Amino acid sequence: METDKSVLKKVKRLFVIKTRFEAYLIIFALALGAMTRGAHYTLEYPGVGGYLLFAATTGAVFLGGAKILDAIRYEQEARKREAASDQTPKT
């Protein structure tokens, strides 16, 4: 039973974004998919409607990417604060 938990922990760590480089890779993948979807929208809905949907897919990546990068920064700062509080002498 103990080994099952450790294996699950290892698998869970695969889905955690730890660095800004990993975040940029994920944002790139999201952008690639969004651009493909946007291109399909312009073919499926010719004219202004298709281009508005294309812009919406692009905007979603910008908003999602910004949120991912903000979350990474917040988590890194929280880890630094935690490490600093662990190092302070307790009286």
PDB file of N, CA and C in Angstrom:
ATOM      1  N   MET A   1       0.827  -1.198   0.000  1.00  0.00           N
ATOM      2  CA  MET A   1       0.000   0.000   0.000  1.00  0.00           C
ATOM      3  C   MET A   1       0.865   1.253   0.000  1.00  0.00           C
ATOM      4  N   GLU A   2       1.967   1.196   0.738  1.00  0.00           N
ATOM      5  CA  GLU A   2       2.880   2.339   0.825  1.00  0.00           C
ATOM      6  C   GLU A   2       3.477   2.662  -0.545  1.00  0.00           C
ATOM      7  N   THR A   3       3.849   1.644  -1.292  1.00  0.00           N
ATOM      8  CA  THR A   3       4.455   1.882  -2.608  1.00  0.00           C
ATOM      9  C   THR A   3       3.442   2.469  -3.578  1.00  0.00           C
ATOM     10  N   ASP A   4       2.175   2.108  -3.427  1.00  0.00           N
ATOM     11  CA  ASP A   4       1.143   2.679  -4.292  1.00  0.00           C
ATOM     12  C   ASP A   4       1.049   4.191  -4.101  1.00  0.00           C
ATOM     13  N   LYS A   5       1.169   4.634  -2.857  1.00  0.00           N
ATOM     14  CA  LYS A   5       1.102   6.070  -2.575  1.00  0.00           C
ATOM     15  C   LYS A   5       2.303   6.804  -3.148  1.00  0.00           C
ATOM     16  N   SER A   6       3.482   6.187  -3.048  1.00  0.00           N
ATOM     17  CA  SER A   6       4.673   6.845  -3.586  1.00  0.00           C
ATOM     18  C   SER A   6       4.617   6.921  -5.111  1.00  0.00           C
ATOM     19  N   VAL A   7       4.073   5.893  -5.744  1.00  0.00           N
ATOM     20  CA  VAL A   7       3.933   5.910  -7.197  1.00  0.00           C
ATOM     21  C   VAL A   7       2.936   6.994  -7.599  1.00  0.00           C
ATOM     22  N   LEU A   8       1.846   7.107  -6.872  1.00  0.00           N
ATOM     23  CA  LEU A   8       0.856   8.147  -7.176  1.00  0.00           C
ATOM     24  C   LEU A   8       1.445   9.534  -6.991  1.00  0.00           C
ATOM     25  N   LYS A   9       2.294   9.702  -5.968  1.00  0.00           N
ATOM     26  CA  LYS A   9       2.952  11.000  -5.760  1.00  0.00           C
ATOM     27  C   LYS A   9       3.848  11.346  -6.938  1.00  0.00           C
ATOM     28  N   LYS A  10       4.586  10.361  -7.441  1.00  0.00           N
ATOM     29  CA  LYS A  10       5.474  10.594  -8.571  1.00  0.00           C
ATOM     30  C   LYS A  10       4.692  10.943  -9.829  1.00  0.00           C
ATOM     31  N   VAL A  11       3.586  10.257 -10.051  1.00  0.00           N
ATOM     32  CA  VAL A  11       2.761  10.561 -11.221  1.00  0.00           C
ATOM     33  C   VAL A  11       2.142  11.939 -11.078  1.00  0.00           C
ATOM     34  N   LYS A  12       1.713  12.275  -9.878  1.00  0.00           N
ATOM     35  CA  LYS A  12       1.114  13.593  -9.632  1.00  0.00           C
ATOM     36  C   LYS A  12       2.108  14.717  -9.923  1.00  0.00           C
ATOM     37  N   ARG A  13       3.376  14.512  -9.596  1.00  0.00           N
ATOM     38  CA  ARG A  13       4.401  15.541  -9.827  1.00  0.00           C
ATOM     39  C   ARG A  13       4.601  15.833 -11.310  1.00  0.00           C
ATOM     40  N   LEU A  14       4.258  14.876 -12.176  1.00  0.00           N
ATOM     41  CA  LEU A  14       4.391  15.101 -13.618  1.00  0.00           C
ATOM     42  C   LEU A  14       3.462  16.204 -14.105  1.00  0.00           C
ATOM     43  N   PHE A  15       2.365  16.418 -13.393  1.00  0.00           N
ATOM     44  CA  PHE A  15       1.364  17.378 -13.820  1.00  0.00           C
ATOM     45  C   PHE A  15       1.468  18.715 -13.096  1.00  0.00           C
ATOM     46  N   VAL A  16       2.567  18.953 -12.416  1.00  0.00           N
ATOM     47  CA  VAL A  16       2.788  20.209 -11.708  1.00  0.00           C
ATOM     48  C   VAL A  16       3.820  21.025 -12.484  1.00  0.00           C
ATOM     49  N   ILE A  17       3.474  22.268 -12.773  1.00  0.00           N
ATOM     50  CA  ILE A  17       4.392  23.167 -13.469  1.00  0.00           C
ATOM     51  C   ILE A  17       5.307  23.783 -12.414  1.00  0.00           C
ATOM     52  N   LYS A  18       6.603  23.514 -12.520  1.00  0.00           N
ATOM     53  CA  LYS A  18       7.537  23.957 -11.492  1.00  0.00           C
ATOM     54  C   LYS A  18       8.364  25.167 -11.905  1.00  0.00           C
ATOM     55  N   THR A  19       8.660  25.312 -13.184  1.00  0.00           N
ATOM     56  CA  THR A  19       9.538  26.394 -13.627  1.00  0.00           C
ATOM     57  C   THR A  19       8.862  27.219 -14.710  1.00  0.00           C
ATOM     58  N   ARG A  20       9.431  28.404 -14.936  1.00  0.00           N
ATOM     59  CA  ARG A  20       8.901  29.269 -15.996  1.00  0.00           C
ATOM     60  C   ARG A  20       9.119  28.640 -17.364  1.00  0.00           C
ATOM     61  N   PHE A  21      10.191  27.880 -17.544  1.00  0.00           N
ATOM     62  CA  PHE A  21      10.441  27.218 -18.816  1.00  0.00           C
ATOM     63  C   PHE A  21       9.327  26.221 -19.129  1.00  0.00           C
ATOM     64  N   GLU A  22       8.925  25.428 -18.134  1.00  0.00           N
ATOM     65  CA  GLU A  22       7.814  24.499 -18.330  1.00  0.00           C
ATOM     66  C   GLU A  22       6.531  25.257 -18.646  1.00  0.00           C
ATOM     67  N   ALA A  23       6.337  26.399 -17.997  1.00  0.00           N
ATOM     68  CA  ALA A  23       5.144  27.209 -18.262  1.00  0.00           C
ATOM     69  C   ALA A  23       5.145  27.705 -19.705  1.00  0.00           C
ATOM     70  N   TYR A  24       6.314  28.160 -20.189  1.00  0.00           N
ATOM     71  CA  TYR A  24       6.388  28.633 -21.565  1.00  0.00           C
ATOM     72  C   TYR A  24       6.119  27.506 -22.565  1.00  0.00           C
ATOM     73  N   LEU A  25       6.582  26.298 -22.257  1.00  0.00           N
ATOM     74  CA  LEU A  25       6.305  25.166 -23.142  1.00  0.00           C
ATOM     75  C   LEU A  25       4.806  24.869 -23.207  1.00  0.00           C
ATOM     76  N   ILE A  26       4.150  24.930 -22.073  1.00  0.00           N
ATOM     77  CA  ILE A  26       2.708  24.680 -22.039  1.00  0.00           C
ATOM     78  C   ILE A  26       1.952  25.788 -22.757  1.00  0.00           C
ATOM     79  N   ILE A  27       2.367  27.024 -22.553  1.00  0.00           N
ATOM     80  CA  ILE A  27       1.710  28.145 -23.238  1.00  0.00           C
ATOM     81  C   ILE A  27       1.901  28.032 -24.741  1.00  0.00           C
ATOM     82  N   PHE A  28       3.088  27.605 -25.173  1.00  0.00           N
ATOM     83  CA  PHE A  28       3.338  27.405 -26.601  1.00  0.00           C
ATOM     84  C   PHE A  28       2.394  26.350 -27.166  1.00  0.00           C
ATOM     85  N   ALA A  29       2.229  25.241 -26.447  1.00  0.00           N
ATOM     86  CA  ALA A  29       1.333  24.187 -26.908  1.00  0.00           C
ATOM     87  C   ALA A  29      -0.114  24.692 -26.971  1.00  0.00           C
ATOM     88  N   LEU A  30      -0.524  25.453 -25.974  1.00  0.00           N
ATOM     89  CA  LEU A  30      -1.873  26.033 -25.992  1.00  0.00           C
ATOM     90  C   LEU A  30      -2.051  26.985 -27.173  1.00  0.00           C
ATOM     91  N   ALA A  31      -1.029  27.793 -27.435  1.00  0.00           N
ATOM     92  CA  ALA A  31      -1.105  28.751 -28.542  1.00  0.00           C
ATOM     93  C   ALA A  31      -1.175  28.030 -29.885  1.00  0.00           C
ATOM     94  N   LEU A  32      -0.403  26.968 -30.021  1.00  0.00           N
ATOM     95  CA  LEU A  32      -0.418  26.211 -31.265  1.00  0.00           C
ATOM     96  C   LEU A  32      -1.805  25.632 -31.532  1.00  0.00           C
ATOM     97  N   GLY A  33      -2.403  25.060 -30.496  1.00  0.00           N
ATOM     98  CA  GLY A  33      -3.756  24.526 -30.642  1.00  0.00           C
ATOM     99  C   GLY A  33      -4.786  25.609 -30.908  1.00  0.00           C
ATOM    100  N   ALA A  34      -4.632  26.738 -30.254  1.00  0.00           N
ATOM    101  CA  ALA A  34      -5.582  27.832 -30.442  1.00  0.00           C
ATOM    102  C   ALA A  34      -5.494  28.417 -31.850  1.00  0.00           C
ATOM    103  N   MET A  35      -4.290  28.522 -32.377  1.00  0.00           N
ATOM    104  CA  MET A  35      -4.138  29.049 -33.732  1.00  0.00           C
ATOM    105  C   MET A  35      -4.731  28.086 -34.765  1.00  0.00           C
ATOM    106  N   THR A  36      -4.559  26.796 -34.527  1.00  0.00           N
ATOM    107  CA  THR A  36      -5.161  25.812 -35.420  1.00  0.00           C
ATOM    108  C   THR A  36      -6.677  25.907 -35.369  1.00  0.00           C
ATOM    109  N   ARG A  37      -7.212  25.999 -34.151  1.00  0.00           N
ATOM    110  CA  ARG A  37      -8.663  26.137 -33.998  1.00  0.00           C
ATOM    111  C   ARG A  37      -9.144  27.439 -34.632  1.00  0.00           C
ATOM    112  N   GLY A  38      -8.401  28.527 -34.456  1.00  0.00           N
ATOM    113  CA  GLY A  38      -8.778  29.802 -35.056  1.00  0.00           C
ATOM    114  C   GLY A  38      -8.773  29.740 -36.574  1.00  0.00           C
ATOM    115  N   ALA A  39      -7.798  29.040 -37.158  1.00  0.00           N
ATOM    116  CA  ALA A  39      -7.765  28.891 -38.611  1.00  0.00           C
ATOM    117  C   ALA A  39      -8.992  28.120 -39.094  1.00  0.00           C
ATOM    118  N   HIS A  40      -9.396  27.112 -38.346  1.00  0.00           N
ATOM    119  CA  HIS A  40     -10.607  26.361 -38.708  1.00  0.00           C
ATOM    120  C   HIS A  40     -11.841  27.250 -38.616  1.00  0.00           C
ATOM    121  N   TYR A  41     -11.862  28.113 -37.613  1.00  0.00           N
ATOM    122  CA  TYR A  41     -12.994  29.025 -37.480  1.00  0.00           C
ATOM    123  C   TYR A  41     -13.106  29.949 -38.691  1.00  0.00           C
ATOM    124  N   THR A  42     -11.980  30.450 -39.194  1.00  0.00           N
ATOM    125  CA  THR A  42     -12.054  31.354 -40.345  1.00  0.00           C
ATOM    126  C   THR A  42     -12.535  30.630 -41.584  1.00  0.00           C
ATOM    127  N   LEU A  43     -12.276  29.332 -41.682  1.00  0.00           N
ATOM    128  CA  LEU A  43     -12.785  28.568 -42.825  1.00  0.00           C
ATOM    129  C   LEU A  43     -14.251  28.215 -42.642  1.00  0.00           C
ATOM    130  N   GLU A  44     -14.624  27.865 -41.429  1.00  0.00           N
ATOM    131  CA  GLU A  44     -16.000  27.452 -41.149  1.00  0.00           C
ATOM    132  C   GLU A  44     -16.972  28.630 -41.157  1.00  0.00           C
ATOM    133  N   TYR A  45     -16.516  29.760 -40.647  1.00  0.00           N
ATOM    134  CA  TYR A  45     -17.349  30.960 -40.568  1.00  0.00           C
ATOM    135  C   TYR A  45     -16.640  32.097 -41.302  1.00  0.00           C
ATOM    136  N   PRO A  46     -16.782  32.156 -42.623  1.00  0.00           N
ATOM    137  CA  PRO A  46     -16.076  33.198 -43.370  1.00  0.00           C
ATOM    138  C   PRO A  46     -16.591  34.594 -42.994  1.00  0.00           C
ATOM    139  N   GLY A  47     -15.687  35.544 -43.065  1.00  0.00           N
ATOM    140  CA  GLY A  47     -16.064  36.924 -42.766  1.00  0.00           C
ATOM    141  C   GLY A  47     -15.670  37.323 -41.361  1.00  0.00           C
ATOM    142  N   VAL A  48     -16.380  38.338 -40.884  1.00  0.00           N
ATOM    143  CA  VAL A  48     -16.040  38.943 -39.599  1.00  0.00           C
ATOM    144  C   VAL A  48     -16.221  37.963 -38.442  1.00  0.00           C
ATOM    145  N   GLY A  49     -17.246  37.138 -38.490  1.00  0.00           N
ATOM    146  CA  GLY A  49     -17.510  36.194 -37.403  1.00  0.00           C
ATOM    147  C   GLY A  49     -16.351  35.241 -37.169  1.00  0.00           C
ATOM    148  N   GLY A  50     -15.799  34.708 -38.250  1.00  0.00           N
ATOM    149  CA  GLY A  50     -14.660  33.800 -38.128  1.00  0.00           C
ATOM    150  C   GLY A  50     -13.440  34.489 -37.537  1.00  0.00           C
ATOM    151  N   TYR A  51     -13.216  35.732 -37.960  1.00  0.00           N
ATOM    152  CA  TYR A  51     -12.058  36.467 -37.434  1.00  0.00           C
ATOM    153  C   TYR A  51     -12.250  36.853 -35.969  1.00  0.00           C
ATOM    154  N   LEU A  52     -13.491  37.100 -35.572  1.00  0.00           N
ATOM    155  CA  LEU A  52     -13.746  37.378 -34.156  1.00  0.00           C
ATOM    156  C   LEU A  52     -13.501  36.137 -33.303  1.00  0.00           C
ATOM    157  N   LEU A  53     -13.915  34.982 -33.811  1.00  0.00           N
ATOM    158  CA  LEU A  53     -13.645  33.744 -33.087  1.00  0.00           C
ATOM    159  C   LEU A  53     -12.147  33.454 -33.035  1.00  0.00           C
ATOM    160  N   PHE A  54     -11.443  33.755 -34.132  1.00  0.00           N
ATOM    161  CA  PHE A  54      -9.984  33.601 -34.157  1.00  0.00           C
ATOM    162  C   PHE A  54      -9.345  34.478 -33.090  1.00  0.00           C
ATOM    163  N   ALA A  55      -9.819  35.723 -32.990  1.00  0.00           N
ATOM    164  CA  ALA A  55      -9.288  36.645 -31.974  1.00  0.00           C
ATOM    165  C   ALA A  55      -9.607  36.152 -30.560  1.00  0.00           C
ATOM    166  N   ALA A  56     -10.772  35.536 -30.390  1.00  0.00           N
ATOM    167  CA  ALA A  56     -11.150  35.020 -29.077  1.00  0.00           C
ATOM    168  C   ALA A  56     -10.223  33.876 -28.654  1.00  0.00           C
ATOM    169  N   THR A  57      -9.871  33.003 -29.597  1.00  0.00           N
ATOM    170  CA  THR A  57      -8.955  31.907 -29.247  1.00  0.00           C
ATOM    171  C   THR A  57      -7.581  32.456 -28.885  1.00  0.00           C
ATOM    172  N   THR A  58      -7.149  33.487 -29.606  1.00  0.00           N
ATOM    173  CA  THR A  58      -5.856  34.107 -29.302  1.00  0.00           C
ATOM    174  C   THR A  58      -5.891  34.777 -27.924  1.00  0.00           C
ATOM    175  N   GLY A  59      -6.955  35.492 -27.660  1.00  0.00           N
ATOM    176  CA  GLY A  59      -7.092  36.167 -26.368  1.00  0.00           C
ATOM    177  C   GLY A  59      -7.132  35.193 -25.207  1.00  0.00           C
ATOM    178  N   ALA A  60      -7.762  34.048 -25.421  1.00  0.00           N
ATOM    179  CA  ALA A  60      -7.822  33.042 -24.350  1.00  0.00           C
ATOM    180  C   ALA A  60      -6.427  32.552 -23.988  1.00  0.00           C
ATOM    181  N   VAL A  61      -5.562  32.399 -24.981  1.00  0.00           N
ATOM    182  CA  VAL A  61      -4.188  31.961 -24.703  1.00  0.00           C
ATOM    183  C   VAL A  61      -3.437  33.048 -23.943  1.00  0.00           C
ATOM    184  N   PHE A  62      -3.620  34.302 -24.331  1.00  0.00           N
ATOM    185  CA  PHE A  62      -2.949  35.396 -23.614  1.00  0.00           C
ATOM    186  C   PHE A  62      -3.383  35.429 -22.148  1.00  0.00           C
ATOM    187  N   LEU A  63      -4.677  35.311 -21.906  1.00  0.00           N
ATOM    188  CA  LEU A  63      -5.173  35.353 -20.532  1.00  0.00           C
ATOM    189  C   LEU A  63      -4.716  34.131 -19.733  1.00  0.00           C
ATOM    190  N   GLY A  64      -4.816  32.963 -20.339  1.00  0.00           N
ATOM    191  CA  GLY A  64      -4.384  31.744 -19.653  1.00  0.00           C
ATOM    192  C   GLY A  64      -2.886  31.748 -19.384  1.00  0.00           C
ATOM    193  N   GLY A  65      -2.108  32.188 -20.364  1.00  0.00           N
ATOM    194  CA  GLY A  65      -0.656  32.242 -20.191  1.00  0.00           C
ATOM    195  C   GLY A  65      -0.252  33.204 -19.091  1.00  0.00           C
ATOM    196  N   ALA A  66      -0.906  34.347 -19.044  1.00  0.00           N
ATOM    197  CA  ALA A  66      -0.596  35.312 -17.983  1.00  0.00           C
ATOM    198  C   ALA A  66      -0.922  34.735 -16.615  1.00  0.00           C
ATOM    199  N   LYS A  67      -2.033  34.026 -16.523  1.00  0.00           N
ATOM    200  CA  LYS A  67      -2.430  33.425 -15.244  1.00  0.00           C
ATOM    201  C   LYS A  67      -1.441  32.339 -14.823  1.00  0.00           C
ATOM    202  N   ILE A  68      -0.983  31.537 -15.774  1.00  0.00           N
ATOM    203  CA  ILE A  68       0.002  30.493 -15.470  1.00  0.00           C
ATOM    204  C   ILE A  68       1.296  31.120 -14.960  1.00  0.00           C
ATOM    205  N   LEU A  69       1.773  32.153 -15.642  1.00  0.00           N
ATOM    206  CA  LEU A  69       3.026  32.794 -15.233  1.00  0.00           C
ATOM    207  C   LEU A  69       2.893  33.479 -13.879  1.00  0.00           C
ATOM    208  N   ASP A  70       1.749  34.093 -13.616  1.00  0.00           N
ATOM    209  CA  ASP A  70       1.516  34.709 -12.311  1.00  0.00           C
ATOM    210  C   ASP A  70       1.498  33.656 -11.207  1.00  0.00           C
ATOM    211  N   ALA A  71       0.883  32.517 -11.487  1.00  0.00           N
ATOM    212  CA  ALA A  71       0.812  31.456 -10.488  1.00  0.00           C
ATOM    213  C   ALA A  71       2.202  30.903 -10.189  1.00  0.00           C
ATOM    214  N   ILE A  72       3.028  30.758 -11.210  1.00  0.00           N
ATOM    215  CA  ILE A  72       4.395  30.275 -10.999  1.00  0.00           C
ATOM    216  C   ILE A  72       5.158  31.262 -10.118  1.00  0.00           C
ATOM    217  N   ARG A  73       5.044  32.543 -10.418  1.00  0.00           N
ATOM    218  CA  ARG A  73       5.733  33.566  -9.629  1.00  0.00           C
ATOM    219  C   ARG A  73       5.248  33.539  -8.175  1.00  0.00           C
ATOM    220  N   TYR A  74       3.947  33.432  -7.992  1.00  0.00           N
ATOM    221  CA  TYR A  74       3.388  33.401  -6.639  1.00  0.00           C
ATOM    222  C   TYR A  74       3.900  32.185  -5.865  1.00  0.00           C
ATOM    223  N   GLU A  75       3.919  31.016  -6.491  1.00  0.00           N
ATOM    224  CA  GLU A  75       4.379  29.808  -5.812  1.00  0.00           C
ATOM    225  C   GLU A  75       5.861  29.897  -5.459  1.00  0.00           C
ATOM    226  N   GLN A  76       6.667  30.454  -6.361  1.00  0.00           N
ATOM    227  CA  GLN A  76       8.096  30.591  -6.074  1.00  0.00           C
ATOM    228  C   GLN A  76       8.332  31.556  -4.917  1.00  0.00           C
ATOM    229  N   GLU A  77       7.599  32.659  -4.879  1.00  0.00           N
ATOM    230  CA  GLU A  77       7.732  33.608  -3.773  1.00  0.00           C
ATOM    231  C   GLU A  77       7.274  32.985  -2.458  1.00  0.00           C
ATOM    232  N   ALA A  78       6.220  32.192  -2.505  1.00  0.00           N
ATOM    233  CA  ALA A  78       5.734  31.539  -1.290  1.00  0.00           C
ATOM    234  C   ALA A  78       6.776  30.550  -0.766  1.00  0.00           C
ATOM    235  N   ARG A  79       7.424  29.810  -1.674  1.00  0.00           N
ATOM    236  CA  ARG A  79       8.482  28.884  -1.253  1.00  0.00           C
ATOM    237  C   ARG A  79       9.649  29.636  -0.622  1.00  0.00           C
ATOM    238  N   LYS A  80      10.017  30.796  -1.200  1.00  0.00           N
ATOM    239  CA  LYS A  80      11.112  31.594  -0.636  1.00  0.00           C
ATOM    240  C   LYS A  80      10.753  32.102   0.758  1.00  0.00           C
ATOM    241  N   ARG A  81       9.518  32.580   0.922  1.00  0.00           N
ATOM    242  CA  ARG A  81       9.089  33.058   2.242  1.00  0.00           C
ATOM    243  C   ARG A  81       9.097  31.920   3.258  1.00  0.00           C
ATOM    244  N   GLU A  82       8.651  30.743   2.833  1.00  0.00           N
ATOM    245  CA  GLU A  82       8.627  29.596   3.732  1.00  0.00           C
ATOM    246  C   GLU A  82      10.041  29.187   4.124  1.00  0.00           C
ATOM    247  N   ALA A  83      10.945  29.190   3.155  1.00  0.00           N
ATOM    248  CA  ALA A  83      12.344  28.837   3.452  1.00  0.00           C
ATOM    249  C   ALA A  83      12.970  29.861   4.380  1.00  0.00           C
ATOM    250  N   ALA A  84      12.654  31.146   4.163  1.00  0.00           N
ATOM    251  CA  ALA A  84      13.204  32.196   5.024  1.00  0.00           C
ATOM    252  C   ALA A  84      12.648  32.087   6.434  1.00  0.00           C
ATOM    253  N   SER A  85      11.389  31.752   6.570  1.00  0.00           N
ATOM    254  CA  SER A  85      10.818  31.626   7.918  1.00  0.00           C
ATOM    255  C   SER A  85      11.346  30.386   8.622  1.00  0.00           C
ATOM    256  N   ASP A  86      11.700  29.352   7.886  1.00  0.00           N
ATOM    257  CA  ASP A  86      12.281  28.152   8.494  1.00  0.00           C
ATOM    258  C   ASP A  86      13.693  28.411   8.993  1.00  0.00           C
ATOM    259  N   GLN A  87      14.405  29.347   8.384  1.00  0.00           N
ATOM    260  CA  GLN A  87      15.786  29.622   8.744  1.00  0.00           C
ATOM    261  C   GLN A  87      15.924  30.613   9.892  1.00  0.00           C
ATOM    262  N   THR A  88      14.881  31.357  10.190  1.00  0.00           N
ATOM    263  CA  THR A  88      14.964  32.335  11.279  1.00  0.00           C
ATOM    264  C   THR A  88      15.007  31.602  12.615  1.00  0.00           C
ATOM    265  N   PRO A  89      15.855  32.073  13.504  1.00  0.00           N
ATOM    266  CA  PRO A  89      15.956  31.396  14.815  1.00  0.00           C
ATOM    267  C   PRO A  89      14.665  31.613  15.626  1.00  0.00           C
ATOM    268  N   LYS A  90      14.237  30.547  16.253  1.00  0.00           N
ATOM    269  CA  LYS A  90      13.025  30.619  17.063  1.00  0.00           C
ATOM    270  C   LYS A  90      13.416  30.741  18.529  1.00  0.00           C
ATOM    271  N   THR A  91      12.770  31.655  19.200  1.00  0.00           N
ATOM    272  CA  THR A  91      13.105  31.882  20.614  1.00  0.00           C
ATOM    273  C   THR A  91      11.991  31.411  21.513  1.00  0.00           C
TER     274      THR A  91
END
